Amino acid sequence: MRRIFSPAERGAALSLGLLVVRVVMGAAFMLHGWSKIQNPTGWMGEKAPVPAALQAAAAISEFCGGAAIIPGLLTRLAALGLSITMAVAASTHMQNGDRFVPLPGEHGWELAGIYFSCSLLLLLVGPGLFSLDALLFRRSGEGIAGPPGVA
């Protein structure tokens, strides 16, 4: 378990970049998820193509996943849920024939694609050293900045 959540040894510059991505993306997910979590099983309306249970899973994933990613807590788990949610959102838009970048008044899948990409990045790379995961799950013998001799 420790190995899954422990950030790999990376430099401060990469960790700072990951922190910025986490904070901005996490805040955006929380804002998008907030309205959905108010009506978790019906936010898509009566003619929703997605069952109520999956709507609730998406609402929880967006709001709670966004809240977890900001401080970098269980980042890979949160990023997994967000990646799946955004892959479904993007594919739904594609199946509807939506363009990547929509014309005014249309729907598009660019935002879901960008969120998917950022979520996948955090899933694969982890949260960086400036995260709660780094504090809670660092491997024994490592300091906050990684093992001795690693920048």
Protein backbone atom coordinates (compact mmCIF):
# COMPACT_ATOMS: atom_id res chain seq x y z
CA MET A 1 0.00 0.00 0.00
CA ARG A 2 2.79 2.40 0.91
CA ARG A 3 4.40 1.83 -2.49
CA ILE A 4 1.23 2.82 -4.37
CA PHE A 5 0.77 6.16 -2.62
CA SER A 6 4.40 7.10 -2.01
CA PRO A 7 5.55 9.70 -4.55
CA ALA A 8 8.59 8.67 -6.56
CA GLU A 9 11.75 10.64 -6.00
CA ARG A 10 11.51 13.71 -8.20
CA GLY A 11 12.97 17.16 -8.11
CA ALA A 12 11.40 20.23 -6.57
CA ALA A 13 10.59 21.82 -9.95
CA LEU A 14 8.46 18.86 -11.06
CA SER A 15 6.80 18.69 -7.64
CA LEU A 16 5.95 22.40 -7.83
CA GLY A 17 4.39 21.89 -11.27
CA LEU A 18 2.36 18.95 -9.98
CA LEU A 19 1.22 21.06 -7.02
CA VAL A 20 -0.09 23.76 -9.35
CA VAL A 21 -1.90 21.17 -11.50
CA ARG A 22 -3.41 19.57 -8.38
CA VAL A 23 -4.66 22.82 -6.88
CA VAL A 24 -6.19 24.22 -10.08
CA MET A 25 -7.66 20.92 -11.23
CA GLY A 26 -8.90 19.99 -7.77
CA ALA A 27 -10.67 23.33 -7.35
CA ALA A 28 -12.28 22.99 -10.78
CA PHE A 29 -13.47 19.46 -10.01
CA MET A 30 -14.91 20.56 -6.69
CA LEU A 31 -16.81 23.40 -8.36
CA HIS A 32 -18.15 21.12 -11.10
CA GLY A 33 -18.96 18.42 -8.57
CA TRP A 34 -20.67 20.75 -6.09
CA SER A 35 -23.82 21.19 -8.16
CA LYS A 36 -23.88 17.47 -8.96
CA ILE A 37 -23.51 16.39 -5.35
CA GLN A 38 -26.60 18.48 -4.48
CA ASN A 39 -28.66 15.98 -6.55
CA PRO A 40 -26.28 13.03 -6.96
CA THR A 41 -28.71 10.57 -8.54
CA GLY A 42 -30.54 13.00 -10.85
CA TRP A 43 -28.19 15.76 -11.96
CA MET A 44 -28.38 14.59 -15.60
CA GLY A 45 -32.16 14.94 -15.73
CA GLU A 46 -35.00 12.49 -16.31
CA LYS A 47 -33.78 11.24 -19.72
CA ALA A 48 -30.24 10.55 -18.52
CA PRO A 49 -28.32 7.93 -20.49
CA VAL A 50 -26.50 6.97 -17.27
CA PRO A 51 -28.07 5.08 -14.33
CA ALA A 52 -28.61 6.98 -11.08
CA ALA A 53 -25.93 4.98 -9.23
CA LEU A 54 -23.29 5.96 -11.81
CA GLN A 55 -24.42 9.58 -11.67
CA ALA A 56 -23.84 9.48 -7.91
CA ALA A 57 -20.41 7.87 -8.43
CA ALA A 58 -19.46 10.66 -10.85
CA ALA A 59 -20.68 13.37 -8.46
CA ILE A 60 -18.72 11.88 -5.56
CA SER A 61 -15.68 11.34 -7.77
CA GLU A 62 -15.65 14.96 -8.92
CA PHE A 63 -16.32 16.63 -5.58
CA CYS A 64 -14.43 14.32 -3.22
CA GLY A 65 -11.70 13.51 -5.74
CA GLY A 66 -11.12 17.20 -6.29
CA ALA A 67 -10.97 17.78 -2.54
CA ALA A 68 -8.43 14.96 -2.13
CA ILE A 69 -6.21 16.03 -5.02
CA ILE A 70 -5.70 19.59 -3.77
CA PRO A 71 -3.62 18.57 -0.72
CA GLY A 72 -2.40 15.43 -2.47
CA LEU A 73 -4.16 12.89 -0.25
CA LEU A 74 -4.65 9.41 -1.74
CA THR A 75 -3.91 11.12 -5.02
CA ARG A 76 -3.62 8.08 -7.24
CA LEU A 77 -6.92 6.66 -5.97
CA ALA A 78 -8.68 9.99 -6.53
CA ALA A 79 -7.06 10.35 -9.95
CA LEU A 80 -8.24 6.86 -10.91
CA GLY A 81 -11.86 7.78 -10.17
CA LEU A 82 -11.52 11.10 -11.97
CA SER A 83 -9.86 9.47 -15.00
CA ILE A 84 -12.71 7.01 -15.34
CA THR A 85 -15.33 9.73 -14.88
CA MET A 86 -13.72 11.96 -17.51
CA ALA A 87 -13.19 9.10 -19.96
CA VAL A 88 -16.93 8.35 -19.75
CA ALA A 89 -17.79 12.04 -20.11
CA ALA A 90 -15.55 12.48 -23.16
CA SER A 91 -16.77 9.29 -24.83
CA THR A 92 -20.41 10.28 -24.20
CA HIS A 93 -19.79 13.60 -25.95
CA MET A 94 -18.05 11.81 -28.83
CA GLN A 95 -20.95 9.36 -29.20
CA ASN A 96 -23.31 12.34 -29.39
CA GLY A 97 -21.26 13.67 -32.29
CA ASP A 98 -19.93 16.63 -30.33
CA ARG A 99 -16.82 18.33 -31.65
CA PHE A 100 -13.62 18.52 -29.63
CA VAL A 101 -13.83 22.32 -29.48
CA PRO A 102 -17.47 23.32 -29.86
CA LEU A 103 -18.89 26.21 -31.80
CA PRO A 104 -20.86 28.77 -29.74
CA GLY A 105 -24.01 27.16 -28.36
CA GLU A 106 -22.76 23.60 -28.90
CA HIS A 107 -21.34 20.98 -26.56
CA GLY A 108 -17.80 19.70 -26.85
CA TRP A 109 -15.51 17.22 -25.17
CA GLU A 110 -12.35 19.33 -24.86
CA LEU A 111 -12.78 20.02 -21.13
CA ALA A 112 -13.42 16.35 -20.33
CA GLY A 113 -10.38 15.47 -22.46
CA ILE A 114 -8.16 17.95 -20.64
CA TYR A 115 -9.39 16.79 -17.23
CA PHE A 116 -8.85 13.18 -18.28
CA SER A 117 -5.29 13.96 -19.36
CA CYS A 118 -4.45 15.73 -16.10
CA SER A 119 -6.05 12.96 -14.04
CA LEU A 120 -4.08 10.36 -15.95
CA LEU A 121 -0.89 12.34 -15.33
CA LEU A 122 -1.51 12.30 -11.56
CA LEU A 123 -2.45 8.63 -11.67
CA LEU A 124 0.79 7.69 -13.43
CA VAL A 125 3.25 10.15 -11.85
CA GLY A 126 1.72 10.73 -8.42
CA PRO A 127 1.29 13.99 -6.52
CA GLY A 128 4.91 15.06 -6.16
CA LEU A 129 6.83 15.78 -3.00
CA PHE A 130 4.66 18.72 -1.89
CA SER A 131 1.71 16.56 -0.87
CA LEU A 132 0.16 14.79 2.08
CA ASP A 133 0.93 11.51 0.32
CA ALA A 134 4.63 12.38 0.50
CA LEU A 135 4.34 13.05 4.23
CA LEU A 136 2.19 10.04 5.06
CA PHE A 137 3.55 7.38 2.73
CA ARG A 138 7.23 8.15 2.22
CA ARG A 139 9.41 5.10 2.26
CA SER A 140 11.44 4.47 5.39
CA GLY A 141 14.80 6.21 5.39
CA GLU A 142 13.59 9.03 3.11
CA GLY A 143 13.25 12.63 4.10
CA ILE A 144 10.58 14.89 2.68
CA ALA A 145 12.87 15.71 -0.27
CA GLY A 146 13.69 12.05 -0.97
CA PRO A 147 16.68 9.89 -0.12
CA PRO A 148 20.09 11.46 0.52
CA GLY A 149 21.85 12.58 -2.64
CA VAL A 150 18.69 12.87 -4.77
CA ALA A 151 17.63 16.36 -5.81
